[in-house]
Amino acid sequence: GLALLAWLWWRGLAALPGRFAFWGAVSGAAGFSLGAWLQVVGRAHYPGSWIDWWKVMEFTFGALLGAGLGFAGYRSRDLPALGAEEPQDAWPAWLLLVVAAIVSLALIGADEHLPVRMGYTVAGAGAILAAWRWPRLAWQIAVSLTCFAFLLDLIEARPLLGEGSWVVAAMGGLAIAAWLTRNEDVVPALLMLTWTGTGVSVLKTYLPPGRWNATAHAMEAAFVLLAAATTMLARRAVKRA
């Protein structure tokens, strides 16, 4: 990551990624540390509580990391995106869909099968380079690939259809990618990500055999409430614009 930033700086392209890298590192480190501390304290002092202290850690990490990246995005609202000069009609929709599917399968395969401890780090670097080389893929990688990963997570946790579960996940991912080729707008993409992730979490919790307890109910209620709040804030931002 540091080598990539150094190369971008040498090319005069480091303003945008450098800002995101800095605020992501600072806010992510703070969120991970604070969240881990809360988890330890909670488990030590309230071991029988209905609160899932692991999720408290994840919520804290995500909230602070998201705040840092959001701040970086707000500060960068007047900077041009990398590759923004590429004509938006350079790729027909069918070609974009095919290439997005190939890239998604390659990155998911790298994450699953590379003989390294953190394959998603290598896959993430590949995603960044692909989005940079072909800016038309950036939306697909950010939204469609993430939603496809959500669906894969669901079928790994609840393979209700057996081998057919992979077909369902693949069709769902392709449907989202096809929709995105015609809806490259920030708010619908954000809400697609938000509600796909929330829906997968709810299904993972309640599909058979399910987790029907107070801890699971509280966790899923928090997810749904946050998704609803995100939807409301996004729609309000659109109205203001």
Protein backbone atom coordinates (compact mmCIF):
# COMPACT_ATOMS: atom_id res chain seq x y z
CA GLY A 1 0.00 0.00 0.00
CA LEU A 2 2.77 2.44 0.86
CA ALA A 3 4.61 1.56 -2.34
CA LEU A 4 1.46 2.19 -4.37
CA LEU A 5 0.94 5.57 -2.68
CA ALA A 6 4.60 6.49 -3.31
CA TRP A 7 4.20 5.64 -6.99
CA LEU A 8 0.98 7.67 -7.18
CA TRP A 9 2.75 10.60 -5.54
CA TRP A 10 5.55 10.30 -8.12
CA ARG A 11 2.93 10.37 -10.87
CA GLY A 12 1.19 13.37 -9.30
CA LEU A 13 -1.98 11.36 -8.61
CA ALA A 14 -1.81 10.90 -4.84
CA ALA A 15 -4.14 13.68 -3.66
CA LEU A 16 -7.35 11.64 -3.64
CA PRO A 17 -6.12 8.14 -2.66
CA GLY A 18 -3.62 9.63 -0.20
CA ARG A 19 -6.35 11.48 1.65
CA PHE A 20 -8.52 8.37 1.87
CA ALA A 21 -5.54 6.25 2.95
CA PHE A 22 -4.60 8.69 5.71
CA TRP A 23 -8.06 9.14 7.21
CA GLY A 24 -8.87 5.47 6.75
CA ALA A 25 -5.72 4.45 8.61
CA VAL A 26 -6.26 6.92 11.47
CA SER A 27 -9.96 6.29 11.96
CA GLY A 28 -9.67 2.55 11.37
CA ALA A 29 -6.87 2.21 13.92
CA ALA A 30 -8.87 4.20 16.47
CA GLY A 31 -12.04 2.20 15.81
CA PHE A 32 -10.33 -1.19 15.97
CA SER A 33 -8.49 -0.32 19.19
CA LEU A 34 -11.50 1.20 20.93
CA GLY A 35 -13.79 -1.60 19.75
CA ALA A 36 -11.39 -4.29 20.98
CA TRP A 37 -11.15 -2.56 24.36
CA LEU A 38 -14.96 -2.38 24.66
CA GLN A 39 -15.20 -6.08 23.82
CA VAL A 40 -12.71 -7.05 26.52
CA VAL A 41 -14.35 -4.82 29.14
CA GLY A 42 -17.84 -6.01 28.24
CA ARG A 43 -16.99 -9.70 28.37
CA ALA A 44 -15.12 -9.25 31.64
CA HIS A 45 -17.80 -7.27 33.49
CA TYR A 46 -21.04 -8.40 31.77
CA PRO A 47 -20.36 -11.98 30.64
CA GLY A 48 -24.00 -13.10 30.85
CA SER A 49 -25.41 -10.08 29.06
CA TRP A 50 -27.64 -10.30 25.98
CA ILE A 51 -25.19 -7.96 24.25
CA ASP A 52 -22.92 -9.55 21.62
CA TRP A 53 -19.63 -7.89 22.55
CA TRP A 54 -17.97 -9.07 19.35
CA LYS A 55 -20.59 -7.09 17.42
CA VAL A 56 -20.01 -4.08 19.68
CA MET A 57 -16.38 -4.22 18.57
CA GLU A 58 -17.39 -4.48 14.89
CA PHE A 59 -19.94 -1.66 15.17
CA THR A 60 -17.37 0.62 16.84
CA PHE A 61 -14.72 -0.19 14.24
CA GLY A 62 -17.15 0.29 11.36
CA ALA A 63 -18.59 3.52 12.75
CA LEU A 64 -15.24 5.24 13.22
CA LEU A 65 -13.75 3.89 9.99
CA GLY A 66 -16.87 4.99 8.11
CA ALA A 67 -16.69 8.42 9.74
CA GLY A 68 -13.06 8.80 8.66
CA LEU A 69 -13.75 7.71 5.08
CA GLY A 70 -16.85 9.91 4.98
CA PHE A 71 -14.78 12.88 6.12
CA ALA A 72 -12.20 12.11 3.43
CA GLY A 73 -14.99 11.95 0.86
CA TYR A 74 -16.43 15.27 2.06
CA ARG A 75 -13.01 16.92 1.88
CA SER A 76 -12.50 15.47 -1.61
CA ARG A 77 -15.83 16.53 -3.12
CA ASP A 78 -14.13 19.07 -5.40
CA LEU A 79 -11.33 16.77 -6.61
CA PRO A 80 -11.73 14.91 -9.92
CA ALA A 81 -11.87 11.13 -9.64
CA LEU A 82 -9.11 9.07 -11.21
CA GLY A 83 -10.14 8.14 -14.71
CA ALA A 84 -13.01 10.65 -14.73
CA GLU A 85 -11.95 11.81 -18.19
CA GLU A 86 -12.89 8.46 -19.74
CA PRO A 87 -16.01 8.75 -21.93
CA GLN A 88 -18.97 7.28 -20.09
CA ASP A 89 -20.29 5.58 -23.23
CA ALA A 90 -16.98 3.89 -24.03
CA TRP A 91 -18.27 0.41 -23.14
CA PRO A 92 -21.58 -1.10 -24.20
CA ALA A 93 -23.62 -2.49 -21.32
CA TRP A 94 -23.20 -6.14 -22.34
CA LEU A 95 -19.40 -5.84 -22.48
CA LEU A 96 -19.29 -4.11 -19.10
CA LEU A 97 -21.41 -6.92 -17.65
CA VAL A 98 -19.19 -9.67 -19.09
CA VAL A 99 -15.95 -8.04 -17.94
CA ALA A 100 -17.43 -7.34 -14.50
CA ALA A 101 -18.41 -11.00 -14.15
CA ILE A 102 -14.93 -12.19 -15.15
CA VAL A 103 -13.20 -9.75 -12.78
CA SER A 104 -15.58 -10.69 -9.93
CA LEU A 105 -14.92 -14.40 -10.36
CA ALA A 106 -11.17 -13.82 -10.55
CA LEU A 107 -11.13 -11.70 -7.38
CA ILE A 108 -13.43 -14.05 -5.44
CA GLY A 109 -11.28 -16.98 -6.57
CA ALA A 110 -8.13 -15.20 -5.43
CA ASP A 111 -9.69 -14.54 -2.03
CA GLU A 112 -10.79 -18.16 -1.61
CA HIS A 113 -7.90 -20.12 -3.07
CA LEU A 114 -4.63 -18.18 -2.79
CA PRO A 115 -2.28 -19.97 -0.37
CA VAL A 116 -1.93 -16.91 1.86
CA ARG A 117 -3.50 -16.08 5.20
CA MET A 118 -5.35 -12.99 4.02
CA GLY A 119 -6.35 -13.63 0.42
CA TYR A 120 -8.80 -10.73 0.50
CA THR A 121 -5.86 -8.33 0.81
CA VAL A 122 -4.44 -9.57 -2.48
CA ALA A 123 -7.91 -9.61 -4.03
CA GLY A 124 -8.52 -6.07 -2.79
CA ALA A 125 -5.31 -4.86 -4.40
CA GLY A 126 -6.43 -6.50 -7.63
CA ALA A 127 -9.81 -4.78 -7.34
CA ILE A 128 -8.16 -1.37 -6.91
CA LEU A 129 -5.87 -1.89 -9.90
CA ALA A 130 -8.75 -3.15 -12.08
CA ALA A 131 -10.91 -0.15 -11.16
CA TRP A 132 -8.04 2.17 -11.87
CA ARG A 133 -7.13 0.59 -15.20
CA TRP A 134 -10.77 0.40 -16.33
CA PRO A 135 -12.69 3.16 -14.51
CA ARG A 136 -16.01 1.89 -15.91
CA LEU A 137 -15.54 -1.13 -13.66
CA ALA A 138 -15.26 0.94 -10.49
CA TRP A 139 -19.03 0.93 -9.83
CA GLN A 140 -19.26 -2.79 -10.54
CA ILE A 141 -16.37 -3.62 -8.21
CA ALA A 142 -17.65 -1.36 -5.44
CA VAL A 143 -21.29 -2.45 -5.59
CA SER A 144 -21.87 -5.63 -7.59
CA LEU A 145 -18.78 -7.47 -6.36
CA THR A 146 -19.57 -6.56 -2.75
CA CYS A 147 -23.19 -7.68 -3.06
CA PHE A 148 -22.02 -10.93 -4.71
CA ALA A 149 -19.70 -11.48 -1.74
CA PHE A 150 -22.68 -10.94 0.58
CA LEU A 151 -24.62 -13.64 -1.30
CA LEU A 152 -21.67 -16.04 -1.15
CA ASP A 153 -21.47 -15.46 2.58
CA LEU A 154 -25.15 -16.37 2.86
CA ILE A 155 -24.92 -19.64 0.95
CA GLU A 156 -21.82 -20.68 2.85
CA ALA A 157 -23.69 -20.15 6.12
CA ARG A 158 -27.07 -21.53 4.99
CA PRO A 159 -26.66 -23.81 1.92
CA LEU A 160 -30.39 -24.60 1.76
CA LEU A 161 -30.34 -25.45 -1.96
CA GLY A 162 -27.21 -27.60 -1.88
CA GLU A 163 -25.03 -27.13 -4.95
CA GLY A 164 -27.79 -25.03 -6.48
CA SER A 165 -27.04 -22.32 -3.93
CA TRP A 166 -24.04 -21.21 -5.99
CA VAL A 167 -26.23 -20.83 -9.07
CA VAL A 168 -28.68 -18.67 -7.10
CA ALA A 169 -25.85 -16.49 -5.78
CA ALA A 170 -24.34 -16.12 -9.25
CA MET A 171 -27.68 -15.19 -10.79
CA GLY A 172 -28.28 -12.67 -8.01
CA GLY A 173 -24.86 -11.12 -8.58
CA LEU A 174 -25.42 -10.91 -12.33
CA ALA A 175 -28.84 -9.34 -11.80
CA ILE A 176 -27.33 -6.63 -9.58
CA ALA A 177 -24.51 -6.05 -12.10
CA ALA A 178 -27.03 -5.74 -14.95
CA TRP A 179 -29.13 -3.30 -12.93
CA LEU A 180 -26.03 -1.24 -12.15
CA THR A 181 -25.10 -0.84 -15.82
CA ARG A 182 -28.26 1.29 -16.16
CA ASN A 183 -28.32 2.94 -12.72
CA GLU A 184 -24.91 4.48 -12.09
CA ASP A 185 -26.17 6.85 -9.42
CA VAL A 186 -24.79 7.18 -5.90
CA VAL A 187 -27.95 6.87 -3.80
CA PRO A 188 -29.47 3.74 -5.43
CA ALA A 189 -26.05 2.06 -5.34
CA LEU A 190 -25.62 2.93 -1.66
CA LEU A 191 -29.07 1.60 -0.81
CA MET A 192 -28.47 -1.57 -2.84
CA LEU A 193 -25.34 -2.24 -0.79
CA THR A 194 -27.04 -1.33 2.48
CA TRP A 195 -30.13 -3.49 2.10
CA THR A 196 -28.35 -6.44 0.48
CA GLY A 197 -25.97 -6.62 3.42
CA THR A 198 -28.79 -6.15 5.92
CA GLY A 199 -30.99 -8.74 4.25
CA VAL A 200 -28.19 -11.31 4.18
CA SER A 201 -27.51 -10.73 7.87
CA VAL A 202 -31.19 -11.23 8.75
CA LEU A 203 -31.41 -14.40 6.65
CA LYS A 204 -28.21 -15.83 8.13
CA THR A 205 -29.66 -15.31 11.60
CA TYR A 206 -33.19 -16.61 11.11
CA LEU A 207 -33.03 -19.24 8.37
CA PRO A 208 -32.96 -22.81 9.77
CA PRO A 209 -31.45 -23.76 12.16
CA GLY A 210 -31.59 -20.08 13.15
CA ARG A 211 -30.56 -18.15 16.23
CA TRP A 212 -33.73 -17.25 18.11
CA ASN A 213 -32.40 -15.47 21.18
CA ALA A 214 -32.27 -11.96 22.63
CA THR A 215 -28.69 -11.36 21.46
CA ALA A 216 -29.53 -12.18 17.83
CA HIS A 217 -32.75 -10.14 17.93
CA ALA A 218 -30.91 -7.07 19.28
CA MET A 219 -28.16 -7.37 16.67
CA GLU A 220 -30.55 -7.67 13.72
CA ALA A 221 -32.76 -4.87 15.04
CA ALA A 222 -29.69 -2.63 15.15
CA PHE A 223 -28.81 -3.54 11.56
CA VAL A 224 -32.33 -2.85 10.29
CA LEU A 225 -32.58 0.45 12.16
CA LEU A 226 -29.21 1.60 10.80
CA ALA A 227 -30.24 0.62 7.27
CA ALA A 228 -33.50 2.53 7.65
CA ALA A 229 -31.62 5.59 8.98
CA THR A 230 -29.18 5.39 6.05
CA THR A 231 -32.11 5.28 3.62
CA MET A 232 -33.77 8.28 5.23
CA LEU A 233 -30.56 10.35 5.26
CA ALA A 234 -29.78 9.45 1.64
CA ARG A 235 -33.23 10.46 0.46
CA ARG A 236 -33.03 13.69 2.43
CA ALA A 237 -29.68 14.48 0.79
CA VAL A 238 -31.23 13.93 -2.65
CA LYS A 239 -34.08 16.31 -1.83
CA ARG A 240 -31.63 18.98 -0.65
CA ALA A 241 -29.62 18.58 -3.85
